[in-house]
Amino acid sequence: MTGIFPLGGKAGARTNLEIKGWNLPVAKLTENNKHRTAGIYPLSLRKGEWVSNHVPFAVDTLPERVEKEPNDQPKSAQRVKLPLMVKGRIDRPGD
């Protein structure tokens, strides 16, 4: 595995993930955080006898928001009330 999105999820809930990498058995995965407390957990995938490398997956109790585009300029920036987790991607220069 070379990466996941989002990088974490809320404790006590399920998180839908997009998985990136080579020779992986799936491109999407649902991670169950039902019995997890806040912390960093190693996440890997298995394909037969092969196991991918681990990537860190953060679990927290904070509320979550997904970024809303457009948000590249201060006047169009997404307003949020802290504390919370914001799930987003930097996908081009200037983003």
N, C-alpha and C. Protein backbone atom coordinates (compact mmCIF):
# COMPACT_ATOMS: atom_id res chain seq x y z
N MET A 1 0.85 -1.17 0.00
CA MET A 1 0.00 0.00 0.00
C MET A 1 0.89 1.23 0.00
N THR A 2 0.54 2.19 -0.82
CA THR A 2 1.29 3.44 -0.83
C THR A 2 0.52 4.58 -0.18
N GLY A 3 -0.79 4.42 0.00
CA GLY A 3 -1.56 5.47 0.64
C GLY A 3 -3.02 5.12 0.80
N ILE A 4 -3.68 5.87 1.68
CA ILE A 4 -5.11 5.72 1.91
C ILE A 4 -5.73 7.11 1.98
N PHE A 5 -7.02 7.18 1.70
CA PHE A 5 -7.78 8.40 1.91
C PHE A 5 -9.16 8.02 2.40
N PRO A 6 -9.60 8.60 3.49
CA PRO A 6 -8.90 9.56 4.33
C PRO A 6 -7.84 8.88 5.19
N LEU A 7 -7.04 9.70 5.85
CA LEU A 7 -5.95 9.19 6.68
C LEU A 7 -6.41 8.72 8.05
N GLY A 8 -7.71 8.90 8.34
CA GLY A 8 -8.21 8.49 9.63
C GLY A 8 -9.72 8.52 9.68
N GLY A 9 -10.25 8.19 10.83
CA GLY A 9 -11.69 8.15 11.01
C GLY A 9 -12.08 8.32 12.46
N LYS A 10 -13.37 8.33 12.69
CA LYS A 10 -13.91 8.58 14.02
C LYS A 10 -14.05 7.29 14.81
N ALA A 11 -13.66 7.33 16.08
CA ALA A 11 -13.83 6.18 16.97
C ALA A 11 -15.31 5.84 17.07
N GLY A 12 -15.62 4.54 17.04
CA GLY A 12 -17.00 4.09 17.16
C GLY A 12 -17.77 4.07 15.87
N ALA A 13 -17.13 4.41 14.75
CA ALA A 13 -17.83 4.48 13.46
C ALA A 13 -17.04 3.74 12.39
N ARG A 14 -17.69 3.54 11.26
CA ARG A 14 -17.03 2.94 10.10
C ARG A 14 -16.47 4.05 9.21
N THR A 15 -15.33 3.78 8.57
CA THR A 15 -14.71 4.74 7.67
C THR A 15 -14.49 4.07 6.32
N ASN A 16 -15.03 4.67 5.26
CA ASN A 16 -14.80 4.17 3.90
C ASN A 16 -13.48 4.74 3.39
N LEU A 17 -12.60 3.85 2.94
CA LEU A 17 -11.26 4.23 2.51
C LEU A 17 -11.04 3.95 1.04
N GLU A 18 -10.27 4.81 0.39
CA GLU A 18 -9.72 4.55 -0.94
C GLU A 18 -8.29 4.10 -0.72
N ILE A 19 -7.91 3.00 -1.36
CA ILE A 19 -6.60 2.40 -1.18
C ILE A 19 -5.78 2.61 -2.44
N LYS A 20 -4.52 3.02 -2.29
CA LYS A 20 -3.60 3.19 -3.42
C LYS A 20 -2.42 2.25 -3.26
N GLY A 21 -1.92 1.75 -4.38
CA GLY A 21 -0.75 0.89 -4.37
C GLY A 21 -0.77 -0.08 -5.53
N TRP A 22 0.13 -1.05 -5.51
CA TRP A 22 0.26 -2.03 -6.57
C TRP A 22 -0.07 -3.43 -6.06
N ASN A 23 -0.69 -4.22 -6.93
CA ASN A 23 -0.98 -5.62 -6.63
C ASN A 23 -1.83 -5.81 -5.37
N LEU A 24 -2.75 -4.89 -5.14
CA LEU A 24 -3.61 -4.98 -3.98
C LEU A 24 -4.91 -5.70 -4.33
N PRO A 25 -5.51 -6.40 -3.39
CA PRO A 25 -6.74 -7.14 -3.69
C PRO A 25 -7.96 -6.25 -3.84
N VAL A 26 -7.94 -5.02 -3.33
CA VAL A 26 -9.09 -4.11 -3.41
C VAL A 26 -8.59 -2.67 -3.59
N ALA A 27 -9.48 -1.82 -4.10
CA ALA A 27 -9.18 -0.39 -4.21
C ALA A 27 -9.95 0.43 -3.18
N LYS A 28 -10.94 -0.22 -2.55
CA LYS A 28 -11.74 0.43 -1.50
C LYS A 28 -11.90 -0.54 -0.35
N LEU A 29 -12.08 0.02 0.84
CA LEU A 29 -12.17 -0.78 2.04
C LEU A 29 -12.97 -0.01 3.08
N THR A 30 -13.74 -0.71 3.90
CA THR A 30 -14.42 -0.09 5.03
C THR A 30 -13.72 -0.55 6.29
N GLU A 31 -13.20 0.41 7.04
CA GLU A 31 -12.50 0.12 8.29
C GLU A 31 -13.47 0.32 9.45
N ASN A 32 -13.61 -0.70 10.29
CA ASN A 32 -14.54 -0.65 11.41
C ASN A 32 -13.80 -0.18 12.66
N ASN A 33 -14.15 1.00 13.15
CA ASN A 33 -13.51 1.57 14.34
C ASN A 33 -14.41 1.44 15.57
N LYS A 34 -15.36 0.50 15.51
CA LYS A 34 -16.36 0.36 16.57
C LYS A 34 -15.75 0.22 17.96
N HIS A 35 -14.70 -0.57 18.08
CA HIS A 35 -14.12 -0.83 19.40
C HIS A 35 -12.76 -0.15 19.57
N ARG A 36 -12.46 0.81 18.72
CA ARG A 36 -11.17 1.50 18.83
C ARG A 36 -11.29 2.79 19.61
N THR A 37 -10.25 3.07 20.36
CA THR A 37 -10.14 4.36 21.04
C THR A 37 -9.21 5.24 20.23
N ALA A 38 -9.10 6.50 20.59
CA ALA A 38 -8.25 7.43 19.86
C ALA A 38 -6.81 6.92 19.84
N GLY A 39 -6.18 7.01 18.67
CA GLY A 39 -4.80 6.57 18.53
C GLY A 39 -4.45 6.33 17.07
N ILE A 40 -3.24 5.87 16.84
CA ILE A 40 -2.75 5.54 15.50
C ILE A 40 -2.66 4.02 15.39
N TYR A 41 -3.27 3.47 14.33
CA TYR A 41 -3.30 2.03 14.13
C TYR A 41 -2.66 1.67 12.80
N PRO A 42 -1.88 0.57 12.76
CA PRO A 42 -1.31 0.14 11.48
C PRO A 42 -2.38 -0.54 10.63
N LEU A 43 -2.42 -0.18 9.36
CA LEU A 43 -3.40 -0.75 8.44
C LEU A 43 -2.65 -1.43 7.30
N SER A 44 -3.01 -2.67 6.98
CA SER A 44 -2.39 -3.40 5.87
C SER A 44 -3.46 -4.26 5.21
N LEU A 45 -3.12 -4.78 4.03
CA LEU A 45 -4.01 -5.67 3.29
C LEU A 45 -3.33 -7.00 3.06
N ARG A 46 -4.11 -8.04 2.96
CA ARG A 46 -3.59 -9.38 2.69
C ARG A 46 -4.13 -9.87 1.35
N LYS A 47 -3.25 -10.49 0.56
CA LYS A 47 -3.62 -11.13 -0.70
C LYS A 47 -2.92 -12.49 -0.70
N GLY A 48 -3.71 -13.52 -0.34
CA GLY A 48 -3.11 -14.86 -0.21
C GLY A 48 -2.10 -14.86 0.91
N GLU A 49 -0.90 -15.30 0.60
CA GLU A 49 0.16 -15.34 1.62
C GLU A 49 0.90 -14.01 1.74
N TRP A 50 0.60 -13.06 0.88
CA TRP A 50 1.29 -11.77 0.86
C TRP A 50 0.55 -10.73 1.70
N VAL A 51 1.31 -9.93 2.41
CA VAL A 51 0.76 -8.85 3.23
C VAL A 51 1.43 -7.55 2.80
N SER A 52 0.62 -6.52 2.59
CA SER A 52 1.18 -5.22 2.20
C SER A 52 1.92 -4.59 3.37
N ASN A 53 2.66 -3.54 3.04
CA ASN A 53 3.27 -2.75 4.11
C ASN A 53 2.16 -2.06 4.91
N HIS A 54 2.48 -1.63 6.09
CA HIS A 54 1.52 -0.94 6.95
C HIS A 54 1.53 0.55 6.65
N VAL A 55 0.36 1.16 6.72
CA VAL A 55 0.25 2.61 6.68
C VAL A 55 -0.47 3.05 7.95
N PRO A 56 -0.14 4.22 8.49
CA PRO A 56 -0.80 4.66 9.72
C PRO A 56 -2.23 5.13 9.45
N PHE A 57 -3.13 4.73 10.33
CA PHE A 57 -4.54 5.12 10.25
C PHE A 57 -4.90 5.73 11.60
N ALA A 58 -5.29 7.01 11.59
CA ALA A 58 -5.59 7.73 12.83
C ALA A 58 -7.05 7.59 13.20
N VAL A 59 -7.32 7.33 14.46
CA VAL A 59 -8.68 7.26 14.99
C VAL A 59 -8.79 8.32 16.08
N ASP A 60 -9.88 9.08 16.05
CA ASP A 60 -10.08 10.12 17.05
C ASP A 60 -11.56 10.26 17.36
N THR A 61 -11.86 10.99 18.40
CA THR A 61 -13.25 11.20 18.81
C THR A 61 -13.79 12.55 18.33
N LEU A 62 -12.96 13.33 17.65
CA LEU A 62 -13.39 14.65 17.17
C LEU A 62 -14.42 14.52 16.07
N PRO A 63 -15.28 15.54 15.89
CA PRO A 63 -16.18 15.55 14.74
C PRO A 63 -15.37 15.63 13.45
N GLU A 64 -15.98 15.22 12.34
CA GLU A 64 -15.30 15.20 11.04
C GLU A 64 -16.00 16.10 10.03
N ARG A 65 -15.23 16.68 9.13
CA ARG A 65 -15.76 17.42 7.98
C ARG A 65 -14.92 17.05 6.76
N VAL A 66 -15.56 17.00 5.62
CA VAL A 66 -14.86 16.79 4.35
C VAL A 66 -14.69 18.15 3.70
N GLU A 67 -13.51 18.40 3.14
CA GLU A 67 -13.27 19.70 2.51
C GLU A 67 -14.27 19.96 1.40
N LYS A 68 -14.59 21.23 1.20
CA LYS A 68 -15.51 21.64 0.14
C LYS A 68 -14.77 22.56 -0.81
N GLU A 69 -14.80 22.22 -2.07
CA GLU A 69 -14.18 23.05 -3.11
C GLU A 69 -15.20 24.03 -3.65
N PRO A 70 -14.82 25.13 -4.18
CA PRO A 70 -13.44 25.63 -4.27
C PRO A 70 -13.02 26.24 -2.94
N ASN A 71 -11.74 26.07 -2.62
CA ASN A 71 -11.23 26.62 -1.37
C ASN A 71 -9.77 27.07 -1.48
N ASP A 72 -9.36 27.43 -2.70
CA ASP A 72 -7.96 27.77 -2.94
C ASP A 72 -7.60 29.20 -2.57
N GLN A 73 -8.57 30.05 -2.40
CA GLN A 73 -8.33 31.46 -2.07
C GLN A 73 -8.92 31.76 -0.69
N PRO A 74 -8.35 32.70 0.05
CA PRO A 74 -8.89 33.02 1.37
C PRO A 74 -10.38 33.37 1.34
N LYS A 75 -10.84 34.06 0.30
CA LYS A 75 -12.26 34.45 0.26
C LYS A 75 -13.18 33.25 0.05
N SER A 76 -12.68 32.14 -0.49
CA SER A 76 -13.52 30.97 -0.69
C SER A 76 -13.16 29.82 0.27
N ALA A 77 -12.34 30.12 1.27
CA ALA A 77 -11.92 29.09 2.22
C ALA A 77 -13.12 28.56 3.01
N GLN A 78 -13.08 27.30 3.29
CA GLN A 78 -14.14 26.66 4.06
C GLN A 78 -14.01 27.05 5.53
N ARG A 79 -15.08 27.55 6.10
CA ARG A 79 -15.07 27.90 7.53
C ARG A 79 -15.34 26.64 8.34
N VAL A 80 -14.56 26.48 9.39
CA VAL A 80 -14.74 25.35 10.29
C VAL A 80 -14.65 25.85 11.72
N LYS A 81 -15.27 25.11 12.62
CA LYS A 81 -15.21 25.43 14.04
C LYS A 81 -14.38 24.35 14.72
N LEU A 82 -13.27 24.73 15.29
CA LEU A 82 -12.36 23.79 15.93
C LEU A 82 -12.86 23.43 17.32
N PRO A 83 -12.50 22.29 17.84
CA PRO A 83 -11.64 21.29 17.22
C PRO A 83 -12.43 20.33 16.34
N LEU A 84 -11.84 19.89 15.25
CA LEU A 84 -12.41 18.87 14.39
C LEU A 84 -11.36 18.34 13.45
N MET A 85 -11.67 17.23 12.77
CA MET A 85 -10.81 16.66 11.74
C MET A 85 -11.35 17.10 10.39
N VAL A 86 -10.47 17.58 9.52
CA VAL A 86 -10.87 17.94 8.17
C VAL A 86 -10.22 16.92 7.23
N LYS A 87 -11.06 16.29 6.41
CA LYS A 87 -10.56 15.31 5.45
C LYS A 87 -10.50 15.98 4.08
N GLY A 88 -9.31 16.07 3.54
CA GLY A 88 -9.16 16.72 2.25
C GLY A 88 -7.89 16.28 1.55
N ARG A 89 -7.72 16.77 0.32
CA ARG A 89 -6.55 16.42 -0.48
C ARG A 89 -5.98 17.67 -1.12
N ILE A 90 -4.67 17.69 -1.24
CA ILE A 90 -3.99 18.70 -2.04
C ILE A 90 -3.72 18.00 -3.37
N ASP A 91 -4.46 18.39 -4.41
CA ASP A 91 -4.36 17.63 -5.66
C ASP A 91 -3.78 18.39 -6.84
N ARG A 92 -3.33 19.63 -6.60
CA ARG A 92 -2.69 20.39 -7.69
C ARG A 92 -1.94 21.57 -7.06
N PRO A 93 -0.99 22.14 -7.78
CA PRO A 93 -0.30 23.32 -7.26
C PRO A 93 -1.28 24.43 -6.93
N GLY A 94 -1.11 25.07 -5.79
CA GLY A 94 -1.98 26.16 -5.38
C GLY A 94 -3.21 25.73 -4.61
N ASP A 95 -3.43 24.41 -4.51
CA ASP A 95 -4.61 23.92 -3.79
C ASP A 95 -4.42 24.07 -2.30
